[in-house]
Amino acid sequence: MCSANAGLESDVMHPPALAVINLACGYTDRPAVLQGVSLVVHPAERVGLIGPNGSGKTTLFLAICGILKPQAGTVALFGQAVVAGQFYPSVGMLFQNPDEQLFCPSVRDDIAFGVVNLGLAPAEVAARVAQAMEQTGVSHLADRVPHHLSGGEKRMVAIAGVIAMQPRLILYDEPDAYLDRRARRRLVQFLLTHPAASLIASHDLELIAEVCQRVVVLDEGRLVADGLPPDILSNAALMERHGLEVPSIYR
């Protein structure tokens, strides 16, 4: 481990956005996907989560959201313990494939879907949808059919659907998948300016270097490194040991 999670002993009055402590989690056919994972993300912090395929990144996201029940350990969001099967509006998740989040007849309806289910007044729903579309640059797509959009447009619409619910922590699973250069630039600008805490899982280490303030490495279900992007991403021995390549910015 390159450095310890200094934030684990957080101020009770100012809890971290996310506190994962000694988490063990898995599935019936793979019971030990995560083993003893501890991780803290602070409010407004952007943390990159990197590791080889099958290292447990998506499993960690599912446990954080309360979709997957831990076998051991705890997860807390802003000081609130996560119980599997319950809904936590303080956290939002962007899936790797945006088609999994887009199913309504129009972009506007898709972005509004989650907000409507929060039970808010129609005026508040409309205001949140308009704000989310503006923040993600998709206002001009409001009446379009989501599945007729480009990959980059779908990605930004899916992000708009997440931020319309105003979560304080957002989990991004490969957020730049399917994006061309222009769409990727828009995504980078969004990630750098949106105020929510972010945990960003990506194989695009250039993206991680551009937007993240901290990087953690997950391999074989364990967190093996935690530190500043230059310290982690430029460490050729560490990166090679865990099936990763040093991004060009640090070569």
C-alpha atoms as a PDB file:
ATOM      1  CA  MET A   1       0.000   0.000   0.000  1.00  0.00           C
ATOM      2  CA  CYS A   2       1.501   3.329  -1.030  1.00  0.00           C
ATOM      3  CA  SER A   3      -0.267   5.299   1.672  1.00  0.00           C
ATOM      4  CA  ALA A   4      -2.886   4.773   4.333  1.00  0.00           C
ATOM      5  CA  ASN A   5      -6.456   6.025   4.315  1.00  0.00           C
ATOM      6  CA  ALA A   6      -5.833   8.941   6.643  1.00  0.00           C
ATOM      7  CA  GLY A   7      -9.496   9.902   6.542  1.00  0.00           C
ATOM      8  CA  LEU A   8     -10.824   6.722   8.138  1.00  0.00           C
ATOM      9  CA  GLU A   9     -10.877   8.396  11.539  1.00  0.00           C
ATOM     10  CA  SER A  10     -13.163  11.207  10.387  1.00  0.00           C
ATOM     11  CA  ASP A  11     -14.774  14.024  12.330  1.00  0.00           C
ATOM     12  CA  VAL A  12     -18.221  12.888  13.460  1.00  0.00           C
ATOM     13  CA  MET A  13     -19.583  16.373  12.787  1.00  0.00           C
ATOM     14  CA  HIS A  14     -18.183  16.352   9.246  1.00  0.00           C
ATOM     15  CA  PRO A  15     -18.424  12.754   8.015  1.00  0.00           C
ATOM     16  CA  PRO A  16     -16.836  11.743   4.719  1.00  0.00           C
ATOM     17  CA  ALA A  17     -18.953  11.333   1.619  1.00  0.00           C
ATOM     18  CA  LEU A  18     -18.058   7.645   1.639  1.00  0.00           C
ATOM     19  CA  ALA A  19     -16.512   5.416   4.276  1.00  0.00           C
ATOM     20  CA  VAL A  20     -15.918   1.762   3.399  1.00  0.00           C
ATOM     21  CA  ILE A  21     -14.366  -0.242   6.227  1.00  0.00           C
ATOM     22  CA  ASN A  22     -13.028  -3.808   5.944  1.00  0.00           C
ATOM     23  CA  LEU A  23     -15.568  -4.664   3.238  1.00  0.00           C
ATOM     24  CA  ALA A  24     -15.876  -8.244   2.024  1.00  0.00           C
ATOM     25  CA  CYS A  25     -18.363  -8.890  -0.745  1.00  0.00           C
ATOM     26  CA  GLY A  26     -19.113 -11.329  -3.548  1.00  0.00           C
ATOM     27  CA  TYR A  27     -21.605 -13.557  -5.317  1.00  0.00           C
ATOM     28  CA  THR A  28     -22.816 -17.137  -5.039  1.00  0.00           C
ATOM     29  CA  ASP A  29     -20.368 -18.338  -7.694  1.00  0.00           C
ATOM     30  CA  ARG A  30     -17.602 -15.883  -6.655  1.00  0.00           C
ATOM     31  CA  PRO A  31     -17.885 -15.343  -2.900  1.00  0.00           C
ATOM     32  CA  ALA A  32     -14.597 -13.491  -2.377  1.00  0.00           C
ATOM     33  CA  VAL A  33     -14.605 -10.696  -4.972  1.00  0.00           C
ATOM     34  CA  LEU A  34     -13.746  -8.004  -2.393  1.00  0.00           C
ATOM     35  CA  GLN A  35     -11.608  -8.756   0.652  1.00  0.00           C
ATOM     36  CA  GLY A  36     -10.988  -6.296   3.469  1.00  0.00           C
ATOM     37  CA  VAL A  37     -11.455  -3.144   1.386  1.00  0.00           C
ATOM     38  CA  SER A  38     -11.258   0.170   3.266  1.00  0.00           C
ATOM     39  CA  LEU A  39     -11.709   3.463   1.444  1.00  0.00           C
ATOM     40  CA  VAL A  40     -12.689   7.029   2.291  1.00  0.00           C
ATOM     41  CA  VAL A  41     -13.865   9.692  -0.151  1.00  0.00           C
ATOM     42  CA  HIS A  42     -14.372  13.218   1.166  1.00  0.00           C
ATOM     43  CA  PRO A  43     -17.037  15.724   0.044  1.00  0.00           C
ATOM     44  CA  ALA A  44     -16.196  17.261  -3.363  1.00  0.00           C
ATOM     45  CA  GLU A  45     -13.175  14.956  -3.755  1.00  0.00           C
ATOM     46  CA  ARG A  46     -12.544  13.256  -7.122  1.00  0.00           C
ATOM     47  CA  VAL A  47     -11.008   9.810  -6.646  1.00  0.00           C
ATOM     48  CA  GLY A  48      -9.919   7.522  -9.468  1.00  0.00           C
ATOM     49  CA  LEU A  49     -10.467   3.776  -9.041  1.00  0.00           C
ATOM     50  CA  ILE A  50      -8.194   1.740 -11.292  1.00  0.00           C
ATOM     51  CA  GLY A  51      -7.306  -1.916 -11.675  1.00  0.00           C
ATOM     52  CA  PRO A  52      -7.352  -4.798 -14.143  1.00  0.00           C
ATOM     53  CA  ASN A  53     -10.550  -6.415 -15.390  1.00  0.00           C
ATOM     54  CA  GLY A  54     -12.161  -8.555 -12.709  1.00  0.00           C
ATOM     55  CA  SER A  55     -10.514  -6.701  -9.839  1.00  0.00           C
ATOM     56  CA  GLY A  56     -13.867  -5.897  -8.190  1.00  0.00           C
ATOM     57  CA  LYS A  57     -14.550  -2.291  -9.194  1.00  0.00           C
ATOM     58  CA  THR A  58     -18.176  -2.802 -10.234  1.00  0.00           C
ATOM     59  CA  THR A  59     -18.800  -5.047  -7.219  1.00  0.00           C
ATOM     60  CA  LEU A  60     -17.566  -2.248  -4.961  1.00  0.00           C
ATOM     61  CA  PHE A  61     -19.957   0.182  -6.644  1.00  0.00           C
ATOM     62  CA  LEU A  62     -22.901  -2.179  -6.141  1.00  0.00           C
ATOM     63  CA  ALA A  63     -22.083  -2.531  -2.451  1.00  0.00           C
ATOM     64  CA  ILE A  64     -21.778   1.234  -2.018  1.00  0.00           C
ATOM     65  CA  CYS A  65     -25.222   1.743  -3.578  1.00  0.00           C
ATOM     66  CA  GLY A  66     -26.811  -0.885  -1.344  1.00  0.00           C
ATOM     67  CA  ILE A  67     -27.545  -3.229  -4.246  1.00  0.00           C
ATOM     68  CA  LEU A  68     -25.172  -5.960  -3.036  1.00  0.00           C
ATOM     69  CA  LYS A  69     -25.112  -7.120   0.580  1.00  0.00           C
ATOM     70  CA  PRO A  70     -21.653  -7.256   2.189  1.00  0.00           C
ATOM     71  CA  GLN A  71     -20.450 -10.470   3.783  1.00  0.00           C
ATOM     72  CA  ALA A  72     -18.452  -8.420   6.275  1.00  0.00           C
ATOM     73  CA  GLY A  73     -17.511  -4.817   6.942  1.00  0.00           C
ATOM     74  CA  THR A  74     -19.496  -1.616   6.583  1.00  0.00           C
ATOM     75  CA  VAL A  75     -20.352   1.106   4.081  1.00  0.00           C
ATOM     76  CA  ALA A  76     -21.506   4.586   5.135  1.00  0.00           C
ATOM     77  CA  LEU A  77     -22.653   7.542   3.037  1.00  0.00           C
ATOM     78  CA  PHE A  78     -22.255  10.924   4.745  1.00  0.00           C
ATOM     79  CA  GLY A  79     -22.325   9.175   8.111  1.00  0.00           C
ATOM     80  CA  GLN A  80     -25.380   7.026   7.315  1.00  0.00           C
ATOM     81  CA  ALA A  81     -24.836   3.261   7.363  1.00  0.00           C
ATOM     82  CA  VAL A  82     -25.821   1.583   4.097  1.00  0.00           C
ATOM     83  CA  VAL A  83     -28.263  -1.309   4.388  1.00  0.00           C
ATOM     84  CA  ALA A  84     -28.596  -3.544   1.344  1.00  0.00           C
ATOM     85  CA  GLY A  85     -31.930  -3.234  -0.421  1.00  0.00           C
ATOM     86  CA  GLN A  86     -32.620   0.344   0.632  1.00  0.00           C
ATOM     87  CA  PHE A  87     -32.533   3.418  -1.614  1.00  0.00           C
ATOM     88  CA  TYR A  88     -30.001   6.165  -0.890  1.00  0.00           C
ATOM     89  CA  PRO A  89     -30.603   9.411  -2.803  1.00  0.00           C
ATOM     90  CA  SER A  90     -27.249  10.759  -1.606  1.00  0.00           C
ATOM     91  CA  VAL A  91     -25.451   8.464  -4.078  1.00  0.00           C
ATOM     92  CA  GLY A  92     -25.909   8.137  -7.833  1.00  0.00           C
ATOM     93  CA  MET A  93     -24.309   5.659 -10.222  1.00  0.00           C
ATOM     94  CA  LEU A  94     -23.510   6.015 -13.901  1.00  0.00           C
ATOM     95  CA  PHE A  95     -23.451   2.607 -15.596  1.00  0.00           C
ATOM     96  CA  GLN A  96     -20.764   1.670 -18.105  1.00  0.00           C
ATOM     97  CA  ASN A  97     -23.372   1.239 -20.857  1.00  0.00           C
ATOM     98  CA  PRO A  98     -25.703   4.277 -21.049  1.00  0.00           C
ATOM     99  CA  ASP A  99     -28.375   2.191 -22.802  1.00  0.00           C
ATOM    100  CA  GLU A 100     -28.976   0.494 -19.441  1.00  0.00           C
ATOM    101  CA  GLN A 101     -30.161   3.838 -18.040  1.00  0.00           C
ATOM    102  CA  LEU A 102     -32.131   5.189 -21.007  1.00  0.00           C
ATOM    103  CA  PHE A 103     -35.580   3.726 -21.619  1.00  0.00           C
ATOM    104  CA  CYS A 104     -38.100   6.591 -21.888  1.00  0.00           C
ATOM    105  CA  PRO A 105     -39.559   8.006 -25.137  1.00  0.00           C
ATOM    106  CA  SER A 106     -37.681  11.314 -24.854  1.00  0.00           C
ATOM    107  CA  VAL A 107     -34.497  12.686 -23.339  1.00  0.00           C
ATOM    108  CA  ARG A 108     -36.516  14.998 -21.091  1.00  0.00           C
ATOM    109  CA  ASP A 109     -38.591  12.076 -19.776  1.00  0.00           C
ATOM    110  CA  ASP A 110     -35.487   9.992 -19.146  1.00  0.00           C
ATOM    111  CA  ILE A 111     -33.810  12.726 -17.132  1.00  0.00           C
ATOM    112  CA  ALA A 112     -37.026  13.336 -15.190  1.00  0.00           C
ATOM    113  CA  PHE A 113     -37.665   9.660 -14.394  1.00  0.00           C
ATOM    114  CA  GLY A 114     -35.620   9.415 -11.203  1.00  0.00           C
ATOM    115  CA  VAL A 115     -36.644  12.858  -9.979  1.00  0.00           C
ATOM    116  CA  VAL A 116     -40.335  12.049 -10.402  1.00  0.00           C
ATOM    117  CA  ASN A 117     -39.817   8.952  -8.270  1.00  0.00           C
ATOM    118  CA  LEU A 118     -38.473  11.127  -5.463  1.00  0.00           C
ATOM    119  CA  GLY A 119     -42.032  12.426  -5.106  1.00  0.00           C
ATOM    120  CA  LEU A 120     -41.184  16.051  -5.828  1.00  0.00           C
ATOM    121  CA  ALA A 121     -43.661  18.658  -7.057  1.00  0.00           C
ATOM    122  CA  PRO A 122     -43.902  19.005 -10.870  1.00  0.00           C
ATOM    123  CA  ALA A 123     -42.361  22.484 -10.783  1.00  0.00           C
ATOM    124  CA  GLU A 124     -39.340  21.191  -8.863  1.00  0.00           C
ATOM    125  CA  VAL A 125     -39.001  18.260 -11.266  1.00  0.00           C
ATOM    126  CA  ALA A 126     -39.052  20.613 -14.258  1.00  0.00           C
ATOM    127  CA  ALA A 127     -36.485  22.918 -12.657  1.00  0.00           C
ATOM    128  CA  ARG A 128     -34.103  20.077 -11.835  1.00  0.00           C
ATOM    129  CA  VAL A 129     -34.401  18.588 -15.323  1.00  0.00           C
ATOM    130  CA  ALA A 130     -33.723  21.951 -16.967  1.00  0.00           C
ATOM    131  CA  GLN A 131     -30.708  22.557 -14.737  1.00  0.00           C
ATOM    132  CA  ALA A 132     -29.286  19.071 -15.360  1.00  0.00           C
ATOM    133  CA  MET A 133     -29.685  19.450 -19.123  1.00  0.00           C
ATOM    134  CA  GLU A 134     -27.938  22.807 -19.036  1.00  0.00           C
ATOM    135  CA  GLN A 135     -25.058  21.501 -16.907  1.00  0.00           C
ATOM    136  CA  THR A 136     -24.437  18.589 -19.274  1.00  0.00           C
ATOM    137  CA  GLY A 137     -25.023  20.497 -22.512  1.00  0.00           C
ATOM    138  CA  VAL A 138     -27.986  18.414 -23.698  1.00  0.00           C
ATOM    139  CA  SER A 139     -30.816  20.980 -23.584  1.00  0.00           C
ATOM    140  CA  HIS A 140     -31.077  20.895 -27.381  1.00  0.00           C
ATOM    141  CA  LEU A 141     -31.758  17.147 -27.218  1.00  0.00           C
ATOM    142  CA  ALA A 142     -34.735  17.391 -24.840  1.00  0.00           C
ATOM    143  CA  ASP A 143     -37.329  16.078 -27.299  1.00  0.00           C
ATOM    144  CA  ARG A 144     -35.116  13.516 -29.033  1.00  0.00           C
ATOM    145  CA  VAL A 145     -35.523   9.752 -28.674  1.00  0.00           C
ATOM    146  CA  PRO A 146     -32.595   8.605 -26.491  1.00  0.00           C
ATOM    147  CA  HIS A 147     -31.754   5.528 -28.541  1.00  0.00           C
ATOM    148  CA  HIS A 148     -31.355   7.651 -31.680  1.00  0.00           C
ATOM    149  CA  LEU A 149     -28.500   9.619 -30.082  1.00  0.00           C
ATOM    150  CA  SER A 150     -24.767   9.175 -30.537  1.00  0.00           C
ATOM    151  CA  GLY A 151     -22.719   7.405 -27.880  1.00  0.00           C
ATOM    152  CA  GLY A 152     -21.442  10.685 -26.490  1.00  0.00           C
ATOM    153  CA  GLU A 153     -24.914  12.214 -26.392  1.00  0.00           C
ATOM    154  CA  LYS A 154     -26.294   9.151 -24.604  1.00  0.00           C
ATOM    155  CA  ARG A 155     -23.510   9.353 -22.035  1.00  0.00           C
ATOM    156  CA  MET A 156     -24.213  12.999 -21.206  1.00  0.00           C
ATOM    157  CA  VAL A 157     -27.980  12.349 -21.049  1.00  0.00           C
ATOM    158  CA  ALA A 158     -27.341   9.482 -18.625  1.00  0.00           C
ATOM    159  CA  ILE A 159     -25.185  11.795 -16.497  1.00  0.00           C
ATOM    160  CA  ALA A 160     -27.958  14.405 -16.581  1.00  0.00           C
ATOM    161  CA  GLY A 161     -30.389  11.789 -15.271  1.00  0.00           C
ATOM    162  CA  VAL A 162     -28.070  11.091 -12.357  1.00  0.00           C
ATOM    163  CA  ILE A 163     -27.304  14.691 -11.393  1.00  0.00           C
ATOM    164  CA  ALA A 164     -30.973  15.733 -11.671  1.00  0.00           C
ATOM    165  CA  MET A 165     -31.481  13.693  -8.501  1.00  0.00           C
ATOM    166  CA  GLN A 166     -28.788  15.850  -6.864  1.00  0.00           C
ATOM    167  CA  PRO A 167     -26.698  13.100  -5.265  1.00  0.00           C
ATOM    168  CA  ARG A 168     -23.744  14.266  -3.194  1.00  0.00           C
ATOM    169  CA  LEU A 169     -21.612  11.303  -4.308  1.00  0.00           C
ATOM    170  CA  ILE A 170     -21.522   9.985  -7.881  1.00  0.00           C
ATOM    171  CA  LEU A 171     -20.015   6.657  -8.934  1.00  0.00           C
ATOM    172  CA  TYR A 172     -18.817   6.617 -12.545  1.00  0.00           C
ATOM    173  CA  ASP A 173     -18.233   3.228 -14.213  1.00  0.00           C
ATOM    174  CA  GLU A 174     -16.071   3.818 -17.324  1.00  0.00           C
ATOM    175  CA  PRO A 175     -17.617   7.268 -17.979  1.00  0.00           C
ATOM    176  CA  ASP A 176     -15.683   7.931 -21.188  1.00  0.00           C
ATOM    177  CA  ALA A 177     -16.624   4.665 -22.909  1.00  0.00           C
ATOM    178  CA  TYR A 178     -18.214   5.252 -26.353  1.00  0.00           C
ATOM    179  CA  LEU A 179     -17.048   8.894 -26.471  1.00  0.00           C
ATOM    180  CA  ASP A 180     -15.359  10.704 -29.348  1.00  0.00           C
ATOM    181  CA  ARG A 181     -12.807  13.442 -28.620  1.00  0.00           C
ATOM    182  CA  ARG A 182     -15.322  16.266 -28.501  1.00  0.00           C
ATOM    183  CA  ALA A 183     -17.652  14.387 -26.162  1.00  0.00           C
ATOM    184  CA  ARG A 184     -14.703  13.377 -24.006  1.00  0.00           C
ATOM    185  CA  ARG A 185     -13.637  17.022 -23.628  1.00  0.00           C
ATOM    186  CA  ARG A 186     -17.168  17.891 -22.534  1.00  0.00           C
ATOM    187  CA  LEU A 187     -17.078  15.058 -19.991  1.00  0.00           C
ATOM    188  CA  VAL A 188     -13.718  16.165 -18.598  1.00  0.00           C
ATOM    189  CA  GLN A 189     -14.950  19.724 -18.174  1.00  0.00           C
ATOM    190  CA  PHE A 190     -18.072  18.463 -16.424  1.00  0.00           C
ATOM    191  CA  LEU A 191     -16.103  16.236 -14.035  1.00  0.00           C
ATOM    192  CA  LEU A 192     -13.748  19.081 -13.153  1.00  0.00           C
ATOM    193  CA  THR A 193     -16.541  21.519 -12.332  1.00  0.00           C
ATOM    194  CA  HIS A 194     -19.376  19.474 -10.814  1.00  0.00           C
ATOM    195  CA  PRO A 195     -19.377  19.847  -7.012  1.00  0.00           C
ATOM    196  CA  ALA A 196     -20.400  16.311  -6.028  1.00  0.00           C
ATOM    197  CA  ALA A 197     -17.823  13.885  -4.661  1.00  0.00           C
ATOM    198  CA  SER A 198     -16.809  11.419  -7.366  1.00  0.00           C
ATOM    199  CA  LEU A 199     -15.441   7.877  -7.458  1.00  0.00           C
ATOM    200  CA  ILE A 200     -14.405   7.245 -11.056  1.00  0.00           C
ATOM    201  CA  ALA A 201     -13.613   3.725 -12.288  1.00  0.00           C
ATOM    202  CA  SER A 202     -11.851   3.804 -15.637  1.00  0.00           C
ATOM    203  CA  HIS A 203      -9.285   2.002 -17.770  1.00  0.00           C
ATOM    204  CA  ASP A 204      -8.520   5.371 -19.374  1.00  0.00           C
ATOM    205  CA  LEU A 205      -5.651   6.424 -17.155  1.00  0.00           C
ATOM    206  CA  GLU A 206      -5.230   9.655 -19.098  1.00  0.00           C
ATOM    207  CA  LEU A 207      -8.733  10.615 -17.931  1.00  0.00           C
ATOM    208  CA  ILE A 208      -7.863   9.667 -14.356  1.00  0.00           C
ATOM    209  CA  ALA A 209      -4.731  11.816 -14.541  1.00  0.00           C
ATOM    210  CA  GLU A 210      -6.710  14.758 -15.922  1.00  0.00           C
ATOM    211  CA  VAL A 211      -9.567  14.896 -13.443  1.00  0.00           C
ATOM    212  CA  CYS A 212      -8.725  13.024 -10.238  1.00  0.00           C
ATOM    213  CA  GLN A 213      -7.153  14.410  -7.083  1.00  0.00           C
ATOM    214  CA  ARG A 214      -6.381  10.944  -5.737  1.00  0.00           C
ATOM    215  CA  VAL A 215      -6.030   7.435  -7.158  1.00  0.00           C
ATOM    216  CA  VAL A 216      -6.622   4.033  -5.569  1.00  0.00           C
ATOM    217  CA  VAL A 217      -5.631   0.714  -7.126  1.00  0.00           C
ATOM    218  CA  LEU A 218      -7.839  -2.358  -6.718  1.00  0.00           C
ATOM    219  CA  ASP A 219      -6.491  -5.787  -7.664  1.00  0.00           C
ATOM    220  CA  GLU A 220      -7.856  -9.230  -6.854  1.00  0.00           C
ATOM    221  CA  GLY A 221     -10.388  -7.693  -4.508  1.00  0.00           C
ATOM    222  CA  ARG A 222      -7.921  -5.723  -2.406  1.00  0.00           C
ATOM    223  CA  LEU A 223      -6.890  -2.072  -2.355  1.00  0.00           C
ATOM    224  CA  VAL A 224      -3.156  -2.198  -2.982  1.00  0.00           C
ATOM    225  CA  ALA A 225      -2.294   1.497  -3.404  1.00  0.00           C
ATOM    226  CA  ASP A 226      -3.735   4.891  -2.499  1.00  0.00           C
ATOM    227  CA  GLY A 227      -2.102   8.210  -3.260  1.00  0.00           C
ATOM    228  CA  LEU A 228      -1.727  11.259  -5.457  1.00  0.00           C
ATOM    229  CA  PRO A 229      -2.076  10.657  -9.220  1.00  0.00           C
ATOM    230  CA  PRO A 230       1.586  11.471 -10.040  1.00  0.00           C
ATOM    231  CA  ASP A 231       2.818   9.121  -7.309  1.00  0.00           C
ATOM    232  CA  ILE A 232       0.603   6.213  -8.369  1.00  0.00           C
ATOM    233  CA  LEU A 233       0.403   6.580 -12.137  1.00  0.00           C
ATOM    234  CA  SER A 234       4.132   7.225 -12.666  1.00  0.00           C
ATOM    235  CA  ASN A 235       5.192   4.222 -10.573  1.00  0.00           C
ATOM    236  CA  ALA A 236       6.097   1.797 -13.361  1.00  0.00           C
ATOM    237  CA  ALA A 237       6.822  -1.123 -11.034  1.00  0.00           C
ATOM    238  CA  LEU A 238       3.518  -0.723  -9.194  1.00  0.00           C
ATOM    239  CA  MET A 239       1.535  -0.336 -12.399  1.00  0.00           C
ATOM    240  CA  GLU A 240       3.124  -3.356 -14.083  1.00  0.00           C
ATOM    241  CA  ARG A 241       2.659  -5.487 -10.983  1.00  0.00           C
ATOM    242  CA  HIS A 242      -1.078  -4.901 -11.194  1.00  0.00           C
ATOM    243  CA  GLY A 243      -1.558  -5.253 -14.935  1.00  0.00           C
ATOM    244  CA  LEU A 244      -1.617  -1.531 -15.726  1.00  0.00           C
ATOM    245  CA  GLU A 245       0.445   0.766 -17.938  1.00  0.00           C
ATOM    246  CA  VAL A 246       1.900   4.141 -17.047  1.00  0.00           C
ATOM    247  CA  PRO A 247      -0.140   6.756 -18.963  1.00  0.00           C
ATOM    248  CA  SER A 248       1.715   8.774 -21.592  1.00  0.00           C
ATOM    249  CA  ILE A 249       1.601  11.948 -19.490  1.00  0.00           C
ATOM    250  CA  TYR A 250       4.007  10.304 -16.990  1.00  0.00           C
ATOM    251  CA  ARG A 251       6.314   8.456 -19.405  1.00  0.00           C
END
